[in-house]
Amino acid sequence: MSILNLTPSKPTLTQVENAFQPAKEVIAPLKFAGRKSAVQQAYFALLSEGAHIAVVGNRGIGKTSLGRQIINLASGDNDLLGKLSLAFDRKLDFLTVYLTCGTSVKDTTNLLERLLSSKNCLADWIYDIPSASKAASGYTPKIGGNIFGAELSLAYENKAEQSFSPAVSEHQIDAVFTNVVSEIARQNLAPDGVLIVIDEFDQIVDPTGFASFLKSIATNVPKVKFCIVGVAQDIHNLMKEHQSSDRLFAGAIITLPSMDADELLEIITIAEKSIDSYITFHSSAADRLVELAHGQPYMVHLIGKYALRHAFLADQRQITLQMIEETLKLIAERQYDPVLEGRYKKAVASSEQRETVLRAMAESQAGDGEVHTTVAYKTALEQGVDNASQYVGQLVTEEYGREIEKVRDRYYRFQDALFTAYIRARPRLVLKADQPTDAQTRPTPPSTEIAPSA
């Protein structure tokens, strides 16, 4: 009688490196963790005619990943709904477009131009549909080149270097865009219509006029739906316009809060399953990782990635609490996240006292995100800093990164919840006089560098 070998095979280094993904959004539905309420809300919004969608929240909270799942749902992939045990009765069928904005997108006009001219957006459809091409022709030829054909150029990306005069004035680009998407929708290529997801909407320098444009689209072309995704506390902050914003997104404003412990643990479980649980997290290590994350999924991915690499290279089958603590030191020392580390160093600027106050402010943050100085100053005083207000006065200035802002008398708020979590997780940069050095407190961990092949 043969005996089944239930021992998991050793994963490849590629599998280990991609079990956690701090640098990339989650695209595969079955690797997406938690967010049941948000997914359900997004699905209902896709079903609702004339409703646009907005996804808002802090940095690193999972907005782009949710945006990708909305694309999946709109394309008929119901795996995530099944995984979350959410009701559905059919597969959706939208023609989907996904655009990530950058600071190069200056305003609403530039955004609509980019959607029309980018090959991965609407350009190919305009080229294939004569009536859509005709609707666009009044605006595009003056830009130069056959932008909807084989000679598609990124003309708009080089816009600053060109001098041209559109056939219609800039304030009419919304009319041209409306006519184009109306023609595309009229072809009934996808029964549910057209979904356009705009990620990093907050990067648009001046989105003035976009709210009015959306209102017009909802009225004139109800089968075209927009989903905007960006860093913001609410829709008004994201749109930078108050008029009609709530009505435009009625019932479809998805604000992503911090993840709860079970959702963060699911990220770890999904990572373990991706390597057939060849390496697992001890319960104490998993709990510590969740504690360090403070509701931020990015922090689980960041710390988890390097802890898993550490274990793999050391030929360890289980990640321990000690390995998590060692990983935290390595992340800081080797600047695995150079942006967060750079911001931390700028705020601290080699001052033991300022670092103490910064950390005291982070540790004293209340559930609503506000920091009461009475609590924070007491924490700082217990650690030997009796003039904390002086350092808080520095931390609100550009010289030290302006990581905190004053809300009202004796109340402050960090600008970025992800950075707050990083402050809490990171070991101290400037050692106190009575604090032992790293060499005295921990053994040298195995190298996490990948050796070149022979």
Protein backbone atom coordinates (compact mmCIF):
# COMPACT_ATOMS: atom_id res chain seq x y z
CA MET A 1 0.00 0.00 0.00
CA SER A 2 1.40 3.35 -0.98
CA ILE A 3 1.52 6.11 1.63
CA LEU A 4 0.68 9.64 0.55
CA ASN A 5 3.42 12.13 1.20
CA LEU A 6 1.70 15.06 2.90
CA THR A 7 4.89 17.04 3.46
CA PRO A 8 4.67 20.24 1.42
CA SER A 9 7.38 20.71 -1.15
CA LYS A 10 9.84 23.55 -0.70
CA PRO A 11 8.61 26.66 -2.50
CA THR A 12 10.69 28.50 -5.04
CA LEU A 13 12.28 31.81 -4.14
CA THR A 14 9.88 33.47 -6.57
CA GLN A 15 6.90 32.08 -4.66
CA VAL A 16 8.35 33.27 -1.37
CA GLU A 17 9.02 36.75 -2.71
CA ASN A 18 5.43 37.11 -3.93
CA ALA A 19 3.57 35.63 -0.97
CA PHE A 20 3.33 39.16 0.45
CA GLN A 21 3.08 42.13 -1.92
CA PRO A 22 3.87 45.49 -0.27
CA ALA A 23 4.84 47.06 -3.60
CA LYS A 24 1.85 45.93 -5.65
CA GLU A 25 -1.92 45.92 -5.39
CA VAL A 26 -3.76 42.61 -5.01
CA ILE A 27 -5.35 41.65 -8.32
CA ALA A 28 -6.28 37.97 -7.89
CA PRO A 29 -9.67 37.75 -6.09
CA LEU A 30 -8.69 34.76 -3.98
CA LYS A 31 -5.66 36.62 -2.61
CA PHE A 32 -7.78 39.59 -1.55
CA ALA A 33 -8.32 39.71 2.22
CA GLY A 34 -11.35 40.95 4.15
CA ARG A 35 -13.34 44.05 3.18
CA LYS A 36 -16.64 42.16 2.91
CA SER A 37 -18.79 45.24 3.49
CA ALA A 38 -16.81 47.34 0.99
CA VAL A 39 -17.00 44.62 -1.69
CA GLN A 40 -20.75 44.28 -1.20
CA GLN A 41 -21.19 48.05 -1.43
CA ALA A 42 -19.13 48.15 -4.63
CA TYR A 43 -21.17 45.33 -6.19
CA PHE A 44 -24.47 47.04 -5.41
CA ALA A 45 -23.09 50.28 -6.89
CA LEU A 46 -22.20 48.44 -10.10
CA LEU A 47 -25.77 47.17 -10.30
CA SER A 48 -27.28 50.64 -9.76
CA GLU A 49 -27.92 52.62 -12.93
CA GLY A 50 -26.48 56.12 -13.00
CA ALA A 51 -24.48 55.67 -9.78
CA HIS A 52 -20.80 56.55 -9.82
CA ILE A 53 -18.42 55.01 -7.27
CA ALA A 54 -15.80 56.59 -5.02
CA VAL A 55 -13.20 54.72 -2.95
CA VAL A 56 -11.44 56.87 -0.35
CA GLY A 57 -9.10 56.26 2.57
CA ASN A 58 -5.58 56.66 3.88
CA ARG A 59 -2.38 55.60 2.14
CA GLY A 60 -1.61 51.88 2.26
CA ILE A 61 -5.14 50.96 3.33
CA GLY A 62 -5.96 48.92 0.19
CA LYS A 63 -7.83 51.34 -2.08
CA THR A 64 -6.07 50.32 -5.29
CA SER A 65 -6.56 46.63 -4.49
CA LEU A 66 -10.29 47.25 -4.05
CA GLY A 67 -10.30 49.20 -7.32
CA ARG A 68 -8.83 46.15 -9.05
CA GLN A 69 -11.51 43.94 -7.49
CA ILE A 70 -14.19 46.29 -8.78
CA ILE A 71 -12.72 45.80 -12.27
CA ASN A 72 -12.86 42.02 -11.72
CA LEU A 73 -16.51 42.16 -10.62
CA ALA A 74 -17.45 44.40 -13.54
CA SER A 75 -15.77 41.94 -15.92
CA GLY A 76 -17.88 39.03 -14.67
CA ASP A 77 -15.45 37.46 -12.19
CA ASN A 78 -17.56 36.53 -9.14
CA ASP A 79 -14.88 34.52 -7.31
CA LEU A 80 -14.54 37.18 -4.63
CA LEU A 81 -18.31 37.30 -4.04
CA GLY A 82 -18.31 33.54 -3.62
CA LYS A 83 -15.34 33.64 -1.28
CA LEU A 84 -17.07 36.25 0.91
CA SER A 85 -20.45 34.46 0.73
CA LEU A 86 -22.12 37.50 -0.83
CA ALA A 87 -25.31 37.11 -2.84
CA PHE A 88 -25.25 37.53 -6.61
CA ASP A 89 -27.51 36.28 -9.38
CA ARG A 90 -25.50 36.89 -12.54
CA LYS A 91 -22.17 37.88 -13.97
CA LEU A 92 -21.73 41.54 -14.81
CA ASP A 93 -20.49 42.49 -18.25
CA PHE A 94 -18.93 45.97 -18.47
CA LEU A 95 -16.35 47.23 -20.91
CA THR A 96 -13.70 48.23 -18.36
CA VAL A 97 -11.03 50.93 -18.48
CA TYR A 98 -8.38 51.50 -15.81
CA LEU A 99 -6.23 54.63 -15.61
CA THR A 100 -3.71 55.51 -12.92
CA CYS A 101 -3.24 59.25 -12.60
CA GLY A 102 0.03 60.91 -11.74
CA THR A 103 1.03 64.48 -11.12
CA SER A 104 1.35 64.83 -14.90
CA VAL A 105 -2.47 64.92 -15.06
CA LYS A 106 -3.01 68.59 -14.33
CA ASP A 107 -6.77 69.07 -14.59
CA THR A 108 -10.10 67.67 -15.82
CA THR A 109 -9.31 68.56 -19.44
CA ASN A 110 -5.99 66.71 -19.27
CA LEU A 111 -7.68 63.70 -17.63
CA LEU A 112 -10.30 63.38 -20.36
CA GLU A 113 -7.64 63.80 -23.03
CA ARG A 114 -5.61 61.02 -21.45
CA LEU A 115 -8.63 58.70 -21.36
CA LEU A 116 -9.34 59.36 -25.04
CA SER A 117 -5.76 59.06 -26.29
CA SER A 118 -4.25 56.25 -24.19
CA LYS A 119 -4.08 52.89 -25.93
CA ASN A 120 -4.97 51.05 -22.73
CA CYS A 121 -8.05 53.24 -22.23
CA LEU A 122 -10.44 54.29 -25.00
CA ALA A 123 -8.13 54.84 -27.99
CA ASP A 124 -8.44 51.30 -29.38
CA TRP A 125 -12.24 51.36 -29.11
CA ILE A 126 -12.39 54.73 -30.86
CA TYR A 127 -10.26 53.34 -33.68
CA ASP A 128 -12.51 50.25 -34.05
CA ILE A 129 -15.84 52.12 -33.95
CA PRO A 130 -16.28 54.55 -36.88
CA SER A 131 -18.98 56.64 -35.19
CA ALA A 132 -16.79 57.05 -32.09
CA SER A 133 -13.82 57.97 -34.28
CA LYS A 134 -15.93 60.58 -36.04
CA ALA A 135 -17.06 62.02 -32.69
CA ALA A 136 -13.42 62.35 -31.62
CA SER A 137 -12.05 63.63 -34.92
CA GLY A 138 -12.99 67.24 -34.30
CA TYR A 139 -10.62 67.38 -31.33
CA THR A 140 -7.77 65.00 -32.05
CA PRO A 141 -6.23 65.75 -35.48
CA LYS A 142 -4.88 69.12 -34.38
CA ILE A 143 -2.75 67.35 -31.79
CA GLY A 144 -0.77 65.62 -34.49
CA GLY A 145 -0.26 62.08 -35.64
CA ASN A 146 -2.69 59.26 -36.19
CA ILE A 147 -3.30 58.84 -32.48
CA PHE A 148 -6.02 56.23 -32.91
CA GLY A 149 -4.16 54.08 -35.41
CA ALA A 150 -0.91 52.18 -35.65
CA GLU A 151 1.06 55.37 -35.12
CA LEU A 152 -0.51 55.94 -31.72
CA SER A 153 1.71 58.38 -29.89
CA LEU A 154 1.65 59.55 -26.32
CA ALA A 155 1.09 63.05 -27.59
CA TYR A 156 -0.46 64.21 -24.38
CA GLU A 157 2.50 63.10 -22.32
CA ASN A 158 4.65 65.49 -24.36
CA LYS A 159 2.02 68.20 -24.37
CA ALA A 160 4.27 70.78 -22.70
CA GLU A 161 6.75 70.52 -25.58
CA GLN A 162 4.13 71.10 -28.28
CA SER A 163 2.20 74.05 -29.54
CA PHE A 164 -1.19 73.25 -30.97
CA SER A 165 -4.69 74.60 -31.31
CA PRO A 166 -7.51 72.07 -30.80
CA ALA A 167 -10.37 72.26 -33.29
CA VAL A 168 -12.70 72.78 -30.34
CA SER A 169 -11.91 74.87 -27.30
CA GLU A 170 -10.75 73.22 -24.10
CA HIS A 171 -14.01 73.76 -22.27
CA GLN A 172 -15.68 71.57 -24.90
CA ILE A 173 -13.55 68.48 -24.30
CA ASP A 174 -16.26 67.21 -21.97
CA ALA A 175 -18.75 67.35 -24.85
CA VAL A 176 -16.35 65.50 -27.16
CA PHE A 177 -15.72 62.86 -24.49
CA THR A 178 -19.45 62.46 -23.85
CA ASN A 179 -20.13 61.96 -27.56
CA VAL A 180 -17.35 59.39 -27.86
CA VAL A 181 -18.41 57.24 -24.89
CA SER A 182 -22.04 57.56 -25.96
CA GLU A 183 -21.14 56.04 -29.33
CA ILE A 184 -19.12 53.27 -27.67
CA ALA A 185 -21.99 52.47 -25.27
CA ARG A 186 -24.50 52.52 -28.15
CA GLN A 187 -22.66 49.62 -29.80
CA ASN A 188 -23.73 47.45 -26.86
CA LEU A 189 -20.34 45.76 -26.80
CA ALA A 190 -20.97 45.06 -23.13
CA PRO A 191 -24.61 44.87 -21.95
CA ASP A 192 -23.94 46.61 -18.64
CA GLY A 193 -22.13 49.54 -20.19
CA VAL A 194 -18.72 51.13 -19.67
CA LEU A 195 -16.85 51.33 -16.35
CA ILE A 196 -13.93 53.75 -16.08
CA VAL A 197 -11.77 53.41 -12.95
CA ILE A 198 -9.48 56.35 -12.21
CA ASP A 199 -6.87 55.51 -9.57
CA GLU A 200 -4.83 58.10 -7.66
CA PHE A 201 -7.45 60.73 -8.45
CA ASP A 202 -6.00 62.80 -5.58
CA GLN A 203 -2.87 63.35 -7.69
CA ILE A 204 -4.77 65.53 -10.17
CA VAL A 205 -3.57 69.06 -9.50
CA ASP A 206 -6.90 70.78 -10.21
CA PRO A 207 -10.00 68.58 -10.61
CA THR A 208 -12.32 71.60 -10.86
CA GLY A 209 -15.24 70.86 -13.16
CA PHE A 210 -15.11 67.08 -12.80
CA ALA A 211 -18.20 66.99 -10.55
CA SER A 212 -20.23 68.88 -13.15
CA PHE A 213 -18.91 66.57 -15.85
CA LEU A 214 -19.99 63.47 -13.88
CA LYS A 215 -23.45 64.91 -13.37
CA SER A 216 -23.74 65.47 -17.11
CA ILE A 217 -22.53 61.95 -17.92
CA ALA A 218 -25.05 60.41 -15.50
CA THR A 219 -27.85 62.27 -17.26
CA ASN A 220 -26.76 61.96 -20.88
CA VAL A 221 -25.00 58.59 -20.94
CA PRO A 222 -26.31 56.55 -17.97
CA LYS A 223 -24.54 53.41 -19.20
CA VAL A 224 -21.15 55.02 -18.49
CA LYS A 225 -20.04 54.71 -14.90
CA PHE A 226 -16.94 56.21 -13.24
CA CYS A 227 -15.13 54.87 -10.18
CA ILE A 228 -12.62 57.29 -8.67
CA VAL A 229 -10.04 56.10 -6.16
CA GLY A 230 -7.83 58.33 -4.04
CA VAL A 231 -6.29 59.36 -0.74
CA ALA A 232 -8.85 61.43 1.13
CA GLN A 233 -10.94 61.47 4.29
CA ASP A 234 -14.18 62.00 2.36
CA ILE A 235 -15.56 62.64 -1.11
CA HIS A 236 -15.47 66.44 -0.73
CA ASN A 237 -11.77 66.30 0.11
CA LEU A 238 -11.10 64.09 -2.91
CA MET A 239 -13.15 66.06 -5.44
CA LYS A 240 -12.16 69.47 -4.01
CA GLU A 241 -15.71 70.50 -4.89
CA HIS A 242 -18.66 70.46 -2.50
CA GLN A 243 -21.52 71.04 -4.90
CA SER A 244 -23.53 67.90 -5.67
CA SER A 245 -20.66 65.55 -4.72
CA ASP A 246 -22.78 63.51 -2.30
CA ARG A 247 -25.64 63.12 -4.78
CA LEU A 248 -23.28 62.05 -7.56
CA PHE A 249 -22.07 59.13 -5.46
CA ALA A 250 -25.24 58.50 -3.41
CA GLY A 251 -24.87 55.14 -1.67
CA ALA A 252 -21.58 54.41 -3.44
CA ILE A 253 -18.97 56.28 -1.39
CA ILE A 254 -16.75 53.52 -0.01
CA THR A 255 -14.57 54.76 2.83
CA LEU A 256 -11.98 52.14 3.77
CA PRO A 257 -11.29 52.07 7.52
CA SER A 258 -8.37 50.36 9.20
CA MET A 259 -8.53 46.58 8.94
CA ASP A 260 -9.55 44.59 11.99
CA ALA A 261 -7.38 41.85 13.45
CA ASP A 262 -9.16 39.01 11.63
CA GLU A 263 -8.70 40.72 8.26
CA LEU A 264 -4.99 41.28 8.92
CA LEU A 265 -4.58 37.66 10.02
CA GLU A 266 -6.24 36.60 6.76
CA ILE A 267 -3.45 38.34 4.82
CA ILE A 268 -0.95 36.16 6.68
CA THR A 269 -3.02 33.01 6.09
CA ILE A 270 -3.30 33.74 2.35
CA ALA A 271 0.49 34.21 2.18
CA GLU A 272 1.08 30.91 3.98
CA LYS A 273 -1.29 29.06 1.63
CA SER A 274 0.46 30.52 -1.41
CA ILE A 275 3.57 28.49 -0.44
CA ASP A 276 1.53 25.46 0.72
CA SER A 277 2.27 26.38 4.36
CA TYR A 278 5.87 25.23 3.93
CA ILE A 279 6.76 28.14 6.23
CA THR A 280 4.21 29.33 8.77
CA PHE A 281 3.93 32.06 11.38
CA HIS A 282 3.86 31.02 15.01
CA SER A 283 0.69 32.37 16.62
CA SER A 284 2.72 34.78 18.76
CA ALA A 285 4.53 36.08 15.66
CA ALA A 286 1.26 36.51 13.75
CA ASP A 287 -0.33 38.33 16.70
CA ARG A 288 2.70 40.60 16.99
CA LEU A 289 2.58 41.39 13.28
CA VAL A 290 -1.10 42.34 13.55
CA GLU A 291 -0.32 44.51 16.59
CA LEU A 292 2.49 46.30 14.75
CA ALA A 293 0.29 46.94 11.70
CA HIS A 294 -2.28 48.98 13.64
CA GLY A 295 -4.92 48.22 11.03
CA GLN A 296 -2.67 49.00 8.03
CA PRO A 297 -2.52 46.08 5.54
CA TYR A 298 0.59 47.53 3.93
CA MET A 299 2.52 47.02 7.17
CA VAL A 300 1.54 43.34 7.27
CA HIS A 301 2.77 42.92 3.70
CA LEU A 302 5.99 44.86 4.37
CA ILE A 303 7.03 43.11 7.58
CA GLY A 304 5.64 39.74 6.45
CA LYS A 305 7.62 39.81 3.21
CA TYR A 306 11.00 40.24 4.87
CA ALA A 307 10.25 37.92 7.78
CA LEU A 308 9.34 35.22 5.27
CA ARG A 309 12.50 35.85 3.24
CA HIS A 310 14.54 35.72 6.46
CA ALA A 311 13.03 32.33 7.38
CA PHE A 312 13.45 30.89 3.89
CA LEU A 313 17.12 31.81 3.62
CA ALA A 314 17.77 30.54 7.15
CA ASP A 315 15.99 27.26 6.28
CA GLN A 316 13.46 27.82 9.09
CA ARG A 317 9.98 26.33 8.78
CA GLN A 318 8.34 28.63 11.32
CA ILE A 319 8.56 32.37 11.85
CA THR A 320 8.96 33.19 15.53
CA LEU A 321 8.31 36.30 17.57
CA GLN A 322 12.07 36.93 17.76
CA MET A 323 12.31 36.82 13.96
CA ILE A 324 9.61 39.49 13.69
CA GLU A 325 11.61 41.77 15.99
CA GLU A 326 14.80 41.12 14.01
CA THR A 327 12.95 41.87 10.78
CA LEU A 328 11.86 45.26 12.11
CA LYS A 329 15.48 46.21 12.66
CA LEU A 330 16.46 45.02 9.19
CA ILE A 331 13.66 46.99 7.53
CA ALA A 332 14.93 50.17 9.18
CA GLU A 333 18.66 49.50 8.76
CA ARG A 334 18.44 48.51 5.12
CA GLN A 335 15.69 51.00 4.28
CA TYR A 336 13.39 48.44 2.68
CA ASP A 337 10.82 51.23 2.50
CA PRO A 338 13.01 54.24 1.68
CA VAL A 339 10.08 56.68 1.61
CA LEU A 340 8.77 55.92 5.10
CA GLU A 341 12.31 55.60 6.47
CA GLY A 342 13.32 58.90 4.89
CA ARG A 343 10.33 60.65 6.43
CA TYR A 344 11.15 59.17 9.83
CA LYS A 345 14.75 60.34 9.68
CA LYS A 346 13.71 63.82 8.57
CA ALA A 347 11.30 64.13 11.50
CA VAL A 348 13.82 62.86 14.04
CA ALA A 349 16.92 64.55 12.61
CA SER A 350 19.25 62.79 15.06
CA SER A 351 17.48 64.25 18.12
CA GLU A 352 16.80 61.79 20.93
CA GLN A 353 14.23 64.15 22.45
CA ARG A 354 12.38 64.81 19.19
CA GLU A 355 12.23 61.09 18.47
CA THR A 356 10.82 60.46 21.94
CA VAL A 357 8.11 63.07 21.40
CA LEU A 358 7.30 61.80 17.90
CA ARG A 359 6.85 58.28 19.22
CA ALA A 360 4.88 59.50 22.24
CA MET A 361 2.49 61.33 19.90
CA ALA A 362 2.04 58.18 17.77
CA GLU A 363 1.48 55.98 20.81
CA SER A 364 -1.07 58.42 22.24
CA GLN A 365 -3.25 58.55 19.14
CA ALA A 366 -6.92 57.96 19.95
CA GLY A 367 -9.34 55.86 17.92
CA ASP A 368 -10.53 58.92 16.00
CA GLY A 369 -6.96 59.67 14.93
CA GLU A 370 -6.51 62.69 17.20
CA VAL A 371 -3.68 63.10 19.71
CA HIS A 372 -4.37 64.91 22.99
CA THR A 373 -1.19 66.61 24.15
CA THR A 374 -2.04 65.99 27.81
CA VAL A 375 -1.63 62.27 27.18
CA ALA A 376 1.33 62.54 24.79
CA TYR A 377 3.29 64.98 26.96
CA LYS A 378 2.85 62.72 29.98
CA THR A 379 4.25 59.79 27.98
CA ALA A 380 7.20 61.90 26.84
CA LEU A 381 7.83 63.12 30.37
CA GLU A 382 7.97 59.54 31.63
CA GLN A 383 10.73 59.00 29.07
CA GLY A 384 12.74 62.00 30.20
CA VAL A 385 11.51 64.84 27.96
CA ASP A 386 10.01 67.69 30.00
CA ASN A 387 9.64 70.25 27.16
CA ALA A 388 7.63 68.18 24.67
CA SER A 389 5.68 71.18 23.38
CA GLN A 390 8.90 72.64 21.95
CA TYR A 391 9.44 69.54 19.79
CA VAL A 392 5.78 69.36 18.74
CA GLY A 393 6.21 72.94 17.54
CA GLN A 394 9.06 71.70 15.35
CA LEU A 395 7.22 68.64 14.04
CA VAL A 396 4.46 70.78 12.51
CA THR A 397 6.99 72.64 10.33
CA GLU A 398 8.24 71.77 6.83
CA GLU A 399 11.80 71.51 8.13
CA TYR A 400 10.86 68.33 9.97
CA GLY A 401 8.41 66.98 7.41
CA ARG A 402 5.19 68.48 8.79
CA GLU A 403 4.03 65.00 9.75
CA ILE A 404 1.54 66.33 12.29
CA GLU A 405 -0.95 69.18 12.17
CA LYS A 406 -2.79 71.09 14.86
CA VAL A 407 -6.52 70.42 14.85
CA ARG A 408 -7.47 72.74 17.71
CA ASP A 409 -6.07 73.78 21.06
CA ARG A 410 -4.17 70.82 22.60
CA TYR A 411 -5.22 68.41 19.84
CA TYR A 412 -3.09 67.26 16.91
CA ARG A 413 -3.39 64.73 14.12
CA PHE A 414 -0.83 62.84 12.03
CA GLN A 415 -1.08 63.58 8.32
CA ASP A 416 -0.69 59.91 7.37
CA ALA A 417 -2.00 56.89 9.33
CA LEU A 418 0.46 54.59 7.54
CA PHE A 419 3.41 56.66 8.74
CA THR A 420 1.98 56.56 12.26
CA ALA A 421 2.00 52.76 12.13
CA TYR A 422 5.60 52.83 10.84
CA ILE A 423 6.66 55.05 13.78
CA ARG A 424 5.16 52.60 16.24
CA ALA A 425 6.72 49.57 14.59
CA ARG A 426 10.19 50.95 13.90
CA PRO A 427 12.93 50.53 16.54
CA ARG A 428 14.40 53.76 17.84
CA LEU A 429 16.85 55.56 15.55
CA VAL A 430 18.70 57.46 18.25
CA LEU A 431 19.59 55.28 21.21
CA LYS A 432 19.09 56.72 24.66
CA ALA A 433 22.20 57.07 26.80
CA ASP A 434 21.09 54.19 29.03
CA GLN A 435 19.90 51.95 26.18
CA PRO A 436 22.09 49.01 25.07
CA THR A 437 23.24 48.88 21.47
CA ASP A 438 21.83 46.43 18.94
CA ALA A 439 24.98 44.36 19.15
CA GLN A 440 24.30 43.83 22.84
CA THR A 441 20.64 42.92 22.41
CA ARG A 442 20.43 40.61 19.41
CA PRO A 443 22.44 38.02 17.53
CA THR A 444 23.45 38.73 13.97
CA PRO A 445 20.64 37.41 11.72
CA PRO A 446 21.41 35.40 8.60
CA SER A 447 21.92 37.50 5.50
CA THR A 448 18.76 38.33 3.61
CA GLU A 449 20.74 39.07 0.47
CA ILE A 450 20.37 36.56 -2.36
CA ALA A 451 23.74 35.06 -3.23
CA PRO A 452 24.73 35.12 -6.91
CA SER A 453 24.71 31.79 -8.67
CA ALA A 454 28.04 30.10 -9.21
